[in-house]
Each structure stands twice: as structure tokens, then as C-alpha cells.
């Protein structure tokens, strides 16, 4: 079953993938901050409003994954925003997440880039776990 990206079901499947990934657990052993990923609205891609996913990441475990609330968007220590095309490139392995932030393709809306840069392997494993989910992007033929 394919999950549409940045939905609650997709987030829960991502949580399962992360918690089953030994590589993620090792790479993120000292990471301890929630993260919100935001996909900007793009009516041309059948995304009429922004979508956001909250993941509570702590020492190599994903304690919770779900749609982000307004409170999450206001309070999460790390928020990363991009358009759907860029998120698709990240999930397809064409753009490395931290490099995308440094190039301005993804925007670190909130958070400390110096700290984030120390977690390139964890970011890589986050993306690899997401890529293992049978996913579709809106407008890509669900």
C-alpha cells in the first residue's frame, strides 16, 4: 500500500521504519530534539495547503510521528521547509538534506545549523528510512 507523503499515515510508517533501522539508531544516538518538516503548498501539484509532519526524535528512537499542529510549528526546535519538488528530490536521493539546506533549497526555518551539521549521518538515515516507505507525491498518480 502506497502512502501519500506528509500525511499522518505516512508519518506513522516513517516512525516504524526509523525504529527498525539500526543504522538510524546508531547515527542519531545523541540527537534529542523534535523536528517538523514542512511541505509548502503548491496547487499545481495538487497540494492546496501546506503539509507538515512532526517527529519526536530522541537518542536514535522516533517516539512519535504525526501531522504537525500549529503549536508544533511554533515550538519545535527544528523546522525545515521546502517545496514539493525539493522534497521529492530529497526522498529520491537526488539531494542530500543538509547540503540542500546549505544551498538554500531547503530552509532551516528554526534551529541551529552548527548543531544540525554534526548530524549528517543521522539526516541521511532519516531520508533513507523515508525512502523505504512505499510513497507517492500528490499529483504523481497515487
Protein backbone atom coordinates (compact mmCIF):
# COMPACT_ATOMS: atom_id res chain seq x y z
CA UNK A 1 0.00 0.00 0.00
CA UNK A 2 1.39 3.38 -1.01
CA UNK A 3 1.15 6.29 1.41
CA UNK A 4 0.82 9.87 0.25
CA UNK A 5 3.77 11.83 1.63
CA UNK A 6 3.38 14.21 4.55
CA UNK A 7 0.14 12.59 5.76
CA UNK A 8 -0.49 11.07 9.16
CA UNK A 9 -0.35 7.51 7.78
CA UNK A 10 2.93 8.24 6.03
CA UNK A 11 4.38 9.74 9.22
CA UNK A 12 3.43 6.63 11.19
CA UNK A 13 5.01 4.38 8.56
CA UNK A 14 8.15 6.53 8.79
CA UNK A 15 8.20 6.10 12.57
CA UNK A 16 8.09 2.33 12.12
CA UNK A 17 10.94 2.43 9.58
CA UNK A 18 13.08 4.62 11.83
CA UNK A 19 12.55 2.44 14.88
CA UNK A 20 13.52 -0.66 12.90
CA UNK A 21 16.67 0.94 11.48
CA UNK A 22 19.84 0.07 13.33
CA UNK A 23 21.75 2.49 11.10
CA UNK A 24 19.45 5.34 12.17
CA UNK A 25 19.66 4.36 15.83
CA UNK A 26 23.46 4.47 15.73
CA UNK A 27 23.72 7.68 13.67
CA UNK A 28 21.22 9.54 15.86
CA UNK A 29 22.30 8.17 19.24
CA UNK A 30 22.87 11.66 20.67
CA UNK A 31 20.17 13.61 18.78
CA UNK A 32 17.40 14.71 21.18
CA UNK A 33 15.15 17.28 19.53
CA UNK A 34 11.77 17.13 17.82
CA UNK A 35 11.71 18.09 14.17
CA UNK A 36 8.98 19.43 11.89
CA UNK A 37 9.23 19.01 8.14
CA UNK A 38 7.06 21.37 6.12
CA UNK A 39 5.99 20.91 2.52
CA UNK A 40 4.85 24.20 1.06
CA UNK A 41 1.51 24.44 -0.72
CA UNK A 42 1.60 24.02 -4.49
CA UNK A 43 -1.82 23.97 -6.19
CA UNK A 44 -0.16 22.89 -9.47
CA UNK A 45 0.97 19.71 -7.67
CA UNK A 46 -2.44 19.09 -6.06
CA UNK A 47 -1.24 20.42 -2.69
CA UNK A 48 -3.67 23.26 -1.93
CA UNK A 49 -2.24 23.98 1.51
CA UNK A 50 0.99 23.40 3.36
CA UNK A 51 1.57 20.00 4.94
CA UNK A 52 3.75 19.43 7.97
CA UNK A 53 4.94 16.33 9.79
CA UNK A 54 6.19 16.30 13.39
CA UNK A 55 8.69 13.69 14.54
CA UNK A 56 9.83 13.39 18.14
CA UNK A 57 13.37 12.08 17.79
CA UNK A 58 15.37 11.16 20.87
CA UNK A 59 18.60 9.17 21.09
CA UNK A 60 18.04 7.09 17.97
CA UNK A 61 14.34 6.47 18.52
CA UNK A 62 11.29 8.06 16.98
CA UNK A 63 8.94 8.42 19.92
CA UNK A 64 6.11 9.92 17.88
CA UNK A 65 5.34 10.82 14.26
CA UNK A 66 2.17 12.57 13.11
CA UNK A 67 0.81 15.61 11.36
CA UNK A 68 2.22 18.75 12.92
CA UNK A 69 -0.06 21.11 14.81
CA UNK A 70 0.18 24.89 14.80
CA UNK A 71 1.78 24.57 18.24
CA UNK A 72 4.43 22.21 16.84
CA UNK A 73 5.20 24.70 14.07
CA UNK A 74 5.61 27.45 16.68
CA UNK A 75 7.60 25.48 19.26
CA UNK A 76 9.61 22.70 17.61
CA UNK A 77 13.34 23.36 17.99
CA UNK A 78 13.95 22.37 14.35
CA UNK A 79 11.72 23.21 11.41
CA UNK A 80 12.76 22.53 7.82
CA UNK A 81 10.69 23.82 4.91
CA UNK A 82 10.79 23.13 1.18
CA UNK A 83 8.56 22.98 -1.86
CA UNK A 84 7.21 19.60 -3.04
CA UNK A 85 9.72 19.31 -5.89
CA UNK A 86 12.65 19.69 -3.49
CA UNK A 87 11.21 17.18 -1.01
CA UNK A 88 10.79 14.73 -3.89
CA UNK A 89 14.46 15.21 -4.80
CA UNK A 90 15.46 14.56 -1.18
CA UNK A 91 13.32 11.40 -0.93
CA UNK A 92 14.59 10.15 -4.29
CA UNK A 93 18.19 10.53 -3.10
CA UNK A 94 18.98 13.24 -5.65
CA UNK A 95 19.57 15.93 -2.99
CA UNK A 96 21.21 15.35 0.40
CA UNK A 97 19.17 17.14 3.08
CA UNK A 98 21.95 19.05 4.87
CA UNK A 99 23.54 20.05 1.56
CA UNK A 100 20.10 21.22 0.44
CA UNK A 101 19.87 23.47 3.49
CA UNK A 102 23.34 24.87 2.87
CA UNK A 103 22.40 25.59 -0.77
CA UNK A 104 19.11 27.22 0.22
CA UNK A 105 16.94 24.57 -1.45
CA UNK A 106 15.54 23.56 1.94
CA UNK A 107 15.08 26.29 4.53
CA UNK A 108 16.03 25.82 8.16
CA UNK A 109 13.12 27.89 9.46
CA UNK A 110 14.15 27.25 13.05
CA UNK A 111 17.14 25.53 14.56
CA UNK A 112 20.89 25.66 14.93
CA UNK A 113 22.74 24.87 11.69
CA UNK A 114 26.00 24.24 13.54
CA UNK A 115 24.36 21.51 15.61
CA UNK A 116 22.48 20.14 12.61
CA UNK A 117 25.69 19.88 10.57
CA UNK A 118 27.09 17.44 13.16
CA UNK A 119 24.26 15.05 12.34
CA UNK A 120 24.72 14.50 8.61
CA UNK A 121 24.74 10.68 9.06
CA UNK A 122 21.51 10.85 11.08
CA UNK A 123 19.88 13.06 8.45
CA UNK A 124 20.98 10.61 5.77
CA UNK A 125 19.38 7.72 7.67
CA UNK A 126 16.18 9.73 8.24
CA UNK A 127 15.88 10.15 4.48
CA UNK A 128 16.79 6.52 3.76
CA UNK A 129 14.05 5.38 6.13
CA UNK A 130 11.54 7.67 4.40
CA UNK A 131 12.66 6.37 1.01
CA UNK A 132 11.90 2.79 2.08
CA UNK A 133 8.22 3.66 2.52
CA UNK A 134 6.02 2.94 -0.49
CA UNK A 135 5.19 6.61 -1.06
CA UNK A 136 3.54 8.82 -3.64
CA UNK A 137 3.57 12.56 -4.03
CA UNK A 138 0.29 14.36 -4.71
CA UNK A 139 -0.20 14.82 -8.41
CA UNK A 140 2.17 11.93 -9.13
CA UNK A 141 -0.59 9.37 -9.55
CA UNK A 142 -1.50 7.78 -6.24
